[in-house]
Amino acid sequence: MLDSGIEVRLNDRKIPIAGGTVVAIPAGTIHEVTNASNAKARSIIFTNPGGLELFFAGLNDLVQSGAQRCEFADLFERTGTKFPQGSSSQSI
C-alpha cells in the first residue's frame, strides 16, 4: 500500500495498513480492501495469474456510466470474479 488509511479484511480479521506495507493475500482467502479514511489512499495491486485487471477496468467503466445491477453481475460472470454470500457486493 502506498498510503496509510487502508484497511484489509482477511476472513474475519480487519487490519489497518500503514503506507509502504506489502500485503500478501493467499488464493481463496476471503478479503476486502477499503479506504478507512476520508483522504485519498493509493495502492498497487499485483495478481497471479493475471486477468483481474479486466475486472477493475470493467468496473471503472460501469461505475462511470451509471450502470444497472444486472450489468455488474454480467461483469462478475465474464471475469470469473466471485463474492461470498452476504458480502457487501450484494448491495451493488
C-alpha atoms as a PDB file:
ATOM      1  CA  MET A   1       0.000   0.000   0.000  1.00  0.00           C
ATOM      2  CA  LEU A   2       1.393   3.370  -0.939  1.00  0.00           C
ATOM      3  CA  ASP A   3      -0.583   5.413   1.589  1.00  0.00           C
ATOM      4  CA  SER A   4      -1.854   4.901   5.117  1.00  0.00           C
ATOM      5  CA  GLY A   5      -5.579   4.790   5.794  1.00  0.00           C
ATOM      6  CA  ILE A   6      -6.236   1.489   4.044  1.00  0.00           C
ATOM      7  CA  GLU A   7      -7.792  -1.375   5.960  1.00  0.00           C
ATOM      8  CA  VAL A   8      -7.643  -5.010   4.848  1.00  0.00           C
ATOM      9  CA  ARG A   9     -10.109  -7.657   5.986  1.00  0.00           C
ATOM     10  CA  LEU A  10      -8.787 -11.194   5.745  1.00  0.00           C
ATOM     11  CA  ASN A  11     -11.594 -13.632   6.537  1.00  0.00           C
ATOM     12  CA  ASP A  12     -12.986 -12.145   9.794  1.00  0.00           C
ATOM     13  CA  ARG A  13      -9.912 -10.116  10.806  1.00  0.00           C
ATOM     14  CA  LYS A  14      -9.592  -6.376   9.990  1.00  0.00           C
ATOM     15  CA  ILE A  15      -6.071  -4.979   9.816  1.00  0.00           C
ATOM     16  CA  PRO A  16      -5.146  -1.267   9.441  1.00  0.00           C
ATOM     17  CA  ILE A  17      -2.290  -0.917   6.953  1.00  0.00           C
ATOM     18  CA  ALA A  18       0.470   1.668   7.129  1.00  0.00           C
ATOM     19  CA  GLY A  19       1.824   3.270   3.976  1.00  0.00           C
ATOM     20  CA  GLY A  20       4.728   1.335   2.470  1.00  0.00           C
ATOM     21  CA  THR A  21       3.373  -2.037   3.630  1.00  0.00           C
ATOM     22  CA  VAL A  22       3.183  -5.103   1.375  1.00  0.00           C
ATOM     23  CA  VAL A  23       0.130  -7.298   1.919  1.00  0.00           C
ATOM     24  CA  ALA A  24       0.122 -10.846   0.514  1.00  0.00           C
ATOM     25  CA  ILE A  25      -3.306 -12.480   0.280  1.00  0.00           C
ATOM     26  CA  PRO A  26      -3.277 -16.241  -0.413  1.00  0.00           C
ATOM     27  CA  ALA A  27      -5.535 -17.541  -3.179  1.00  0.00           C
ATOM     28  CA  GLY A  28      -9.022 -18.392  -1.960  1.00  0.00           C
ATOM     29  CA  THR A  29      -8.838 -16.101   1.074  1.00  0.00           C
ATOM     30  CA  ILE A  30     -11.971 -14.038   1.600  1.00  0.00           C
ATOM     31  CA  HIS A  31     -10.703 -10.471   1.621  1.00  0.00           C
ATOM     32  CA  GLU A  32     -11.742  -6.846   1.267  1.00  0.00           C
ATOM     33  CA  VAL A  33      -9.617  -3.725   0.870  1.00  0.00           C
ATOM     34  CA  THR A  34     -11.207  -0.443   1.969  1.00  0.00           C
ATOM     35  CA  ASN A  35     -10.180   3.159   2.446  1.00  0.00           C
ATOM     36  CA  ALA A  36     -10.818   3.673   6.159  1.00  0.00           C
ATOM     37  CA  SER A  37     -10.127   7.418   5.964  1.00  0.00           C
ATOM     38  CA  ASN A  38     -11.576  10.458   4.209  1.00  0.00           C
ATOM     39  CA  ALA A  39      -8.289  11.080   2.375  1.00  0.00           C
ATOM     40  CA  LYS A  40      -7.240   9.547  -0.928  1.00  0.00           C
ATOM     41  CA  ALA A  41      -5.352   6.310  -0.393  1.00  0.00           C
ATOM     42  CA  ARG A  42      -3.316   4.705  -3.162  1.00  0.00           C
ATOM     43  CA  SER A  43      -2.280   1.112  -3.608  1.00  0.00           C
ATOM     44  CA  ILE A  44      -0.641  -1.046  -6.232  1.00  0.00           C
ATOM     45  CA  ILE A  45      -2.176  -4.468  -6.780  1.00  0.00           C
ATOM     46  CA  PHE A  46      -0.472  -7.461  -8.391  1.00  0.00           C
ATOM     47  CA  THR A  47      -2.346 -10.685  -9.087  1.00  0.00           C
ATOM     48  CA  ASN A  48      -1.147 -14.072 -10.169  1.00  0.00           C
ATOM     49  CA  PRO A  49      -2.319 -15.363 -12.519  1.00  0.00           C
ATOM     50  CA  GLY A  50      -3.155 -12.160 -14.340  1.00  0.00           C
ATOM     51  CA  GLY A  51      -6.582 -11.175 -15.621  1.00  0.00           C
ATOM     52  CA  LEU A  52      -8.081  -9.349 -12.650  1.00  0.00           C
ATOM     53  CA  GLU A  53      -7.163  -6.065 -14.353  1.00  0.00           C
ATOM     54  CA  LEU A  54     -10.021  -6.786 -16.781  1.00  0.00           C
ATOM     55  CA  PHE A  55     -12.437  -6.817 -13.849  1.00  0.00           C
ATOM     56  CA  PHE A  56     -11.160  -3.480 -12.489  1.00  0.00           C
ATOM     57  CA  ALA A  57     -11.222  -1.825 -15.922  1.00  0.00           C
ATOM     58  CA  GLY A  58     -14.775  -3.066 -16.493  1.00  0.00           C
ATOM     59  CA  LEU A  59     -15.831  -1.991 -13.009  1.00  0.00           C
ATOM     60  CA  ASN A  60     -14.499   1.506 -13.631  1.00  0.00           C
ATOM     61  CA  ASP A  61     -16.413   1.726 -16.917  1.00  0.00           C
ATOM     62  CA  LEU A  62     -19.663   0.577 -15.270  1.00  0.00           C
ATOM     63  CA  VAL A  63     -19.356   2.992 -12.343  1.00  0.00           C
ATOM     64  CA  GLN A  64     -18.610   5.906 -14.682  1.00  0.00           C
ATOM     65  CA  SER A  65     -21.618   5.077 -16.871  1.00  0.00           C
ATOM     66  CA  GLY A  66     -24.116   4.662 -14.011  1.00  0.00           C
ATOM     67  CA  ALA A  67     -24.766   1.040 -14.980  1.00  0.00           C
ATOM     68  CA  GLN A  68     -27.602  -1.102 -13.653  1.00  0.00           C
ATOM     69  CA  ARG A  69     -27.142  -4.011 -11.226  1.00  0.00           C
ATOM     70  CA  CYS A  70     -27.519  -6.648 -13.976  1.00  0.00           C
ATOM     71  CA  GLU A  71     -24.538  -5.150 -15.826  1.00  0.00           C
ATOM     72  CA  PHE A  72     -22.359  -5.608 -12.739  1.00  0.00           C
ATOM     73  CA  ALA A  73     -23.500  -9.231 -12.456  1.00  0.00           C
ATOM     74  CA  ASP A  74     -22.530  -9.771 -16.098  1.00  0.00           C
ATOM     75  CA  LEU A  75     -19.054  -8.303 -15.444  1.00  0.00           C
ATOM     76  CA  PHE A  76     -18.541 -10.627 -12.466  1.00  0.00           C
ATOM     77  CA  GLU A  77     -19.560 -13.615 -14.597  1.00  0.00           C
ATOM     78  CA  ARG A  78     -17.336 -12.632 -17.566  1.00  0.00           C
ATOM     79  CA  THR A  79     -14.253 -12.140 -15.394  1.00  0.00           C
ATOM     80  CA  GLY A  80     -14.783 -15.075 -13.015  1.00  0.00           C
ATOM     81  CA  THR A  81     -14.994 -12.750 -10.009  1.00  0.00           C
ATOM     82  CA  LYS A  82     -16.815 -14.334  -7.077  1.00  0.00           C
ATOM     83  CA  PHE A  83     -18.198 -12.871  -3.883  1.00  0.00           C
ATOM     84  CA  PRO A  84     -19.135 -14.906  -0.804  1.00  0.00           C
ATOM     85  CA  GLN A  85     -22.782 -14.984   0.309  1.00  0.00           C
ATOM     86  CA  GLY A  86     -23.701 -11.982   2.438  1.00  0.00           C
ATOM     87  CA  SER A  87     -20.782  -9.826   1.282  1.00  0.00           C
ATOM     88  CA  SER A  88     -21.189  -6.106   0.659  1.00  0.00           C
ATOM     89  CA  SER A  89     -21.119  -6.762  -3.106  1.00  0.00           C
ATOM     90  CA  GLN A  90     -24.695  -7.997  -2.823  1.00  0.00           C
ATOM     91  CA  SER A  91     -25.824  -4.384  -2.459  1.00  0.00           C
ATOM     92  CA  ILE A  92     -24.435  -3.248  -5.829  1.00  0.00           C
END
